[in-house]
Amino acid sequence: MTWLVVPKSSFSYSSGTPKVLQSSPNGSREFCSDCGTPLVFVDSERPGDVDVTTGSLDEPDDFAPTAAVHEGSKLSWLGVTE
C-alpha cells in the first residue's frame, strides 16, 4: 500500500464521516463508512501527521512518491520502478 503523509492541519474530508478503528495502542485507522475503503492511519507518536492511503484519493497521480520505506520487508516479486 502506498501512503501520502500530510500535516494533520492540512487534512480534512470533503464529505462523509469515517468509521474509526483503534488498531493498536498508538494508532487508529479510518475507513469509509459506506464501502469500507481504508482511508487514513493516525499514529499518536506522530500527532502532527496523518497517513492517507493514496488509492483513496480522487487524483492519486498528483502525488508522486518521494521516498520508499520498509523495502527490506517487501514481497520478493514486487519491483520498484522509477
N, C-alpha and C. Protein backbone atom coordinates (compact mmCIF):
# COMPACT_ATOMS: atom_id res chain seq x y z
N MET A 1 0.85 -1.17 0.00
CA MET A 1 0.00 0.00 0.00
C MET A 1 0.89 1.23 0.00
N THR A 2 0.48 2.22 -0.71
CA THR A 2 1.20 3.49 -0.77
C THR A 2 0.48 4.52 0.08
N TRP A 3 1.26 5.25 0.85
CA TRP A 3 0.72 6.25 1.77
C TRP A 3 1.23 7.63 1.41
N LEU A 4 0.40 8.62 1.64
CA LEU A 4 0.76 10.02 1.49
C LEU A 4 0.73 10.61 2.90
N VAL A 5 1.86 11.08 3.38
CA VAL A 5 1.92 11.67 4.72
C VAL A 5 1.75 13.18 4.59
N VAL A 6 0.75 13.71 5.29
CA VAL A 6 0.45 15.14 5.22
C VAL A 6 0.30 15.70 6.63
N PRO A 7 0.53 17.00 6.79
CA PRO A 7 0.28 17.60 8.09
C PRO A 7 -1.21 17.48 8.45
N LYS A 8 -1.48 17.08 9.67
CA LYS A 8 -2.87 16.92 10.10
C LYS A 8 -3.66 18.22 9.92
N SER A 9 -2.98 19.35 10.10
CA SER A 9 -3.65 20.64 9.97
C SER A 9 -4.09 20.94 8.54
N SER A 10 -3.53 20.22 7.56
CA SER A 10 -3.88 20.44 6.15
C SER A 10 -4.86 19.40 5.62
N PHE A 11 -5.31 18.49 6.50
CA PHE A 11 -6.15 17.39 6.05
C PHE A 11 -7.58 17.55 6.54
N SER A 12 -8.52 17.25 5.64
CA SER A 12 -9.93 17.19 6.02
C SER A 12 -10.66 16.33 4.98
N TYR A 13 -11.80 15.80 5.38
CA TYR A 13 -12.63 15.04 4.45
C TYR A 13 -13.54 15.99 3.71
N SER A 14 -13.74 15.74 2.42
CA SER A 14 -14.62 16.60 1.63
C SER A 14 -16.09 16.23 1.83
N SER A 15 -16.34 14.98 2.27
CA SER A 15 -17.71 14.58 2.57
C SER A 15 -17.69 13.32 3.43
N GLY A 16 -18.75 13.09 4.14
CA GLY A 16 -18.90 11.88 4.93
C GLY A 16 -18.13 11.91 6.24
N THR A 17 -18.41 10.93 7.05
CA THR A 17 -17.74 10.75 8.33
C THR A 17 -17.21 9.32 8.38
N PRO A 18 -15.90 9.15 8.55
CA PRO A 18 -15.33 7.81 8.51
C PRO A 18 -15.62 7.02 9.78
N LYS A 19 -15.53 5.71 9.67
CA LYS A 19 -15.53 4.82 10.83
C LYS A 19 -14.11 4.77 11.34
N VAL A 20 -13.94 4.73 12.66
CA VAL A 20 -12.61 4.72 13.27
C VAL A 20 -12.40 3.42 14.02
N LEU A 21 -11.24 2.80 13.80
CA LEU A 21 -10.86 1.58 14.50
C LEU A 21 -9.55 1.85 15.23
N GLN A 22 -9.52 1.65 16.54
CA GLN A 22 -8.27 1.74 17.30
C GLN A 22 -7.52 0.44 17.04
N SER A 23 -6.59 0.46 16.10
CA SER A 23 -5.95 -0.77 15.62
C SER A 23 -4.73 -1.19 16.43
N SER A 24 -4.21 -0.30 17.24
CA SER A 24 -3.07 -0.60 18.10
C SER A 24 -3.06 0.42 19.23
N PRO A 25 -2.24 0.21 20.24
CA PRO A 25 -2.20 1.19 21.34
C PRO A 25 -1.84 2.61 20.87
N ASN A 26 -1.04 2.72 19.80
CA ASN A 26 -0.61 4.03 19.32
C ASN A 26 -1.29 4.49 18.04
N GLY A 27 -2.14 3.65 17.45
CA GLY A 27 -2.66 4.02 16.15
C GLY A 27 -4.13 3.73 15.95
N SER A 28 -4.73 4.55 15.11
CA SER A 28 -6.11 4.31 14.70
C SER A 28 -6.19 4.40 13.18
N ARG A 29 -7.14 3.68 12.64
CA ARG A 29 -7.37 3.66 11.20
C ARG A 29 -8.79 4.13 10.93
N GLU A 30 -8.94 4.83 9.83
CA GLU A 30 -10.26 5.34 9.45
C GLU A 30 -10.65 4.74 8.11
N PHE A 31 -11.92 4.38 8.00
CA PHE A 31 -12.45 3.69 6.82
C PHE A 31 -13.72 4.40 6.35
N CYS A 32 -14.01 4.29 5.06
CA CYS A 32 -15.26 4.81 4.52
C CYS A 32 -16.41 4.06 5.20
N SER A 33 -17.35 4.80 5.75
CA SER A 33 -18.47 4.16 6.45
C SER A 33 -19.45 3.50 5.49
N ASP A 34 -19.37 3.80 4.19
CA ASP A 34 -20.26 3.18 3.21
C ASP A 34 -19.68 1.91 2.60
N CYS A 35 -18.40 1.96 2.18
CA CYS A 35 -17.83 0.82 1.44
C CYS A 35 -16.67 0.13 2.14
N GLY A 36 -16.14 0.72 3.20
CA GLY A 36 -15.05 0.10 3.95
C GLY A 36 -13.65 0.38 3.42
N THR A 37 -13.53 1.22 2.40
CA THR A 37 -12.21 1.54 1.87
C THR A 37 -11.32 2.14 2.97
N PRO A 38 -10.08 1.63 3.13
CA PRO A 38 -9.16 2.24 4.09
C PRO A 38 -8.81 3.66 3.64
N LEU A 39 -8.88 4.60 4.56
CA LEU A 39 -8.64 6.00 4.22
C LEU A 39 -7.36 6.55 4.84
N VAL A 40 -7.23 6.47 6.16
CA VAL A 40 -6.07 7.06 6.82
C VAL A 40 -5.62 6.21 8.00
N PHE A 41 -4.38 6.47 8.41
CA PHE A 41 -3.81 5.94 9.64
C PHE A 41 -3.31 7.13 10.44
N VAL A 42 -3.64 7.15 11.72
CA VAL A 42 -3.19 8.22 12.61
C VAL A 42 -2.37 7.57 13.72
N ASP A 43 -1.13 8.02 13.87
CA ASP A 43 -0.20 7.48 14.87
C ASP A 43 -0.02 8.50 15.98
N SER A 44 -0.35 8.14 17.21
CA SER A 44 -0.25 9.08 18.32
C SER A 44 1.19 9.50 18.60
N GLU A 45 2.16 8.73 18.09
CA GLU A 45 3.56 9.11 18.25
C GLU A 45 3.99 10.15 17.22
N ARG A 46 3.13 10.41 16.23
CA ARG A 46 3.34 11.47 15.23
C ARG A 46 2.06 12.30 15.15
N PRO A 47 1.75 13.03 16.21
CA PRO A 47 0.45 13.71 16.28
C PRO A 47 0.22 14.80 15.24
N GLY A 48 1.27 15.28 14.62
CA GLY A 48 1.11 16.34 13.61
C GLY A 48 0.87 15.83 12.21
N ASP A 49 0.92 14.51 12.02
CA ASP A 49 0.78 13.94 10.67
C ASP A 49 -0.42 13.01 10.58
N VAL A 50 -0.89 12.83 9.37
CA VAL A 50 -1.88 11.81 9.05
C VAL A 50 -1.40 11.10 7.79
N ASP A 51 -1.48 9.77 7.81
CA ASP A 51 -1.07 8.95 6.66
C ASP A 51 -2.32 8.61 5.85
N VAL A 52 -2.37 9.07 4.62
CA VAL A 52 -3.54 8.89 3.76
C VAL A 52 -3.24 7.80 2.74
N THR A 53 -4.16 6.86 2.56
CA THR A 53 -3.97 5.83 1.54
C THR A 53 -4.09 6.49 0.16
N THR A 54 -3.05 6.36 -0.63
CA THR A 54 -3.03 7.01 -1.93
C THR A 54 -4.17 6.51 -2.82
N GLY A 55 -4.51 5.24 -2.69
CA GLY A 55 -5.58 4.67 -3.50
C GLY A 55 -6.96 5.24 -3.21
N SER A 56 -7.11 5.93 -2.09
CA SER A 56 -8.41 6.52 -1.76
C SER A 56 -8.57 7.93 -2.31
N LEU A 57 -7.52 8.46 -2.92
CA LEU A 57 -7.57 9.83 -3.44
C LEU A 57 -8.28 9.89 -4.78
N ASP A 58 -8.94 11.00 -5.06
CA ASP A 58 -9.57 11.21 -6.36
C ASP A 58 -8.53 11.33 -7.47
N GLU A 59 -7.40 11.94 -7.17
CA GLU A 59 -6.34 12.17 -8.16
C GLU A 59 -4.99 11.67 -7.62
N PRO A 60 -4.81 10.36 -7.48
CA PRO A 60 -3.55 9.87 -6.90
C PRO A 60 -2.31 10.20 -7.72
N ASP A 61 -2.46 10.41 -9.03
CA ASP A 61 -1.30 10.78 -9.86
C ASP A 61 -0.72 12.13 -9.49
N ASP A 62 -1.47 12.93 -8.75
CA ASP A 62 -0.97 14.24 -8.32
C ASP A 62 0.08 14.13 -7.23
N PHE A 63 0.29 12.93 -6.69
CA PHE A 63 1.18 12.76 -5.54
C PHE A 63 2.20 11.65 -5.82
N ALA A 64 3.21 11.97 -6.61
CA ALA A 64 4.26 11.01 -6.94
C ALA A 64 5.10 10.72 -5.69
N PRO A 65 5.56 9.48 -5.54
CA PRO A 65 6.39 9.13 -4.38
C PRO A 65 7.70 9.92 -4.35
N THR A 66 8.14 10.23 -3.15
CA THR A 66 9.43 10.90 -2.97
C THR A 66 10.38 10.04 -2.14
N ALA A 67 9.88 8.94 -1.57
CA ALA A 67 10.73 8.06 -0.76
C ALA A 67 10.10 6.67 -0.72
N ALA A 68 10.95 5.69 -0.49
CA ALA A 68 10.49 4.31 -0.29
C ALA A 68 10.95 3.87 1.09
N VAL A 69 10.05 3.31 1.87
CA VAL A 69 10.40 2.85 3.22
C VAL A 69 10.03 1.38 3.36
N HIS A 70 10.66 0.71 4.28
CA HIS A 70 10.41 -0.71 4.56
C HIS A 70 10.68 -1.61 3.35
N GLU A 71 11.58 -1.19 2.48
CA GLU A 71 11.88 -2.02 1.30
C GLU A 71 12.47 -3.37 1.66
N GLY A 72 13.12 -3.46 2.81
CA GLY A 72 13.71 -4.71 3.23
C GLY A 72 12.69 -5.80 3.51
N SER A 73 11.44 -5.41 3.75
CA SER A 73 10.40 -6.40 4.04
C SER A 73 9.37 -6.52 2.92
N LYS A 74 9.68 -5.95 1.74
CA LYS A 74 8.72 -6.03 0.64
C LYS A 74 8.65 -7.46 0.11
N LEU A 75 7.59 -7.78 -0.55
CA LEU A 75 7.43 -9.08 -1.19
C LEU A 75 8.49 -9.26 -2.27
N SER A 76 8.99 -10.48 -2.42
CA SER A 76 10.08 -10.73 -3.35
C SER A 76 9.72 -10.42 -4.80
N TRP A 77 8.44 -10.51 -5.15
CA TRP A 77 8.04 -10.29 -6.54
C TRP A 77 7.70 -8.84 -6.85
N LEU A 78 7.78 -7.97 -5.84
CA LEU A 78 7.43 -6.58 -6.04
C LEU A 78 8.64 -5.79 -6.51
N GLY A 79 8.53 -5.21 -7.69
CA GLY A 79 9.61 -4.38 -8.22
C GLY A 79 9.29 -2.91 -7.99
N VAL A 80 10.30 -2.14 -7.75
CA VAL A 80 10.11 -0.70 -7.61
C VAL A 80 10.60 -0.05 -8.88
N THR A 81 9.75 0.70 -9.55
CA THR A 81 10.13 1.38 -10.78
C THR A 81 10.18 2.86 -10.54
N GLU A 82 11.07 3.50 -11.22
CA GLU A 82 11.20 4.96 -11.06
C GLU A 82 10.88 5.65 -12.35
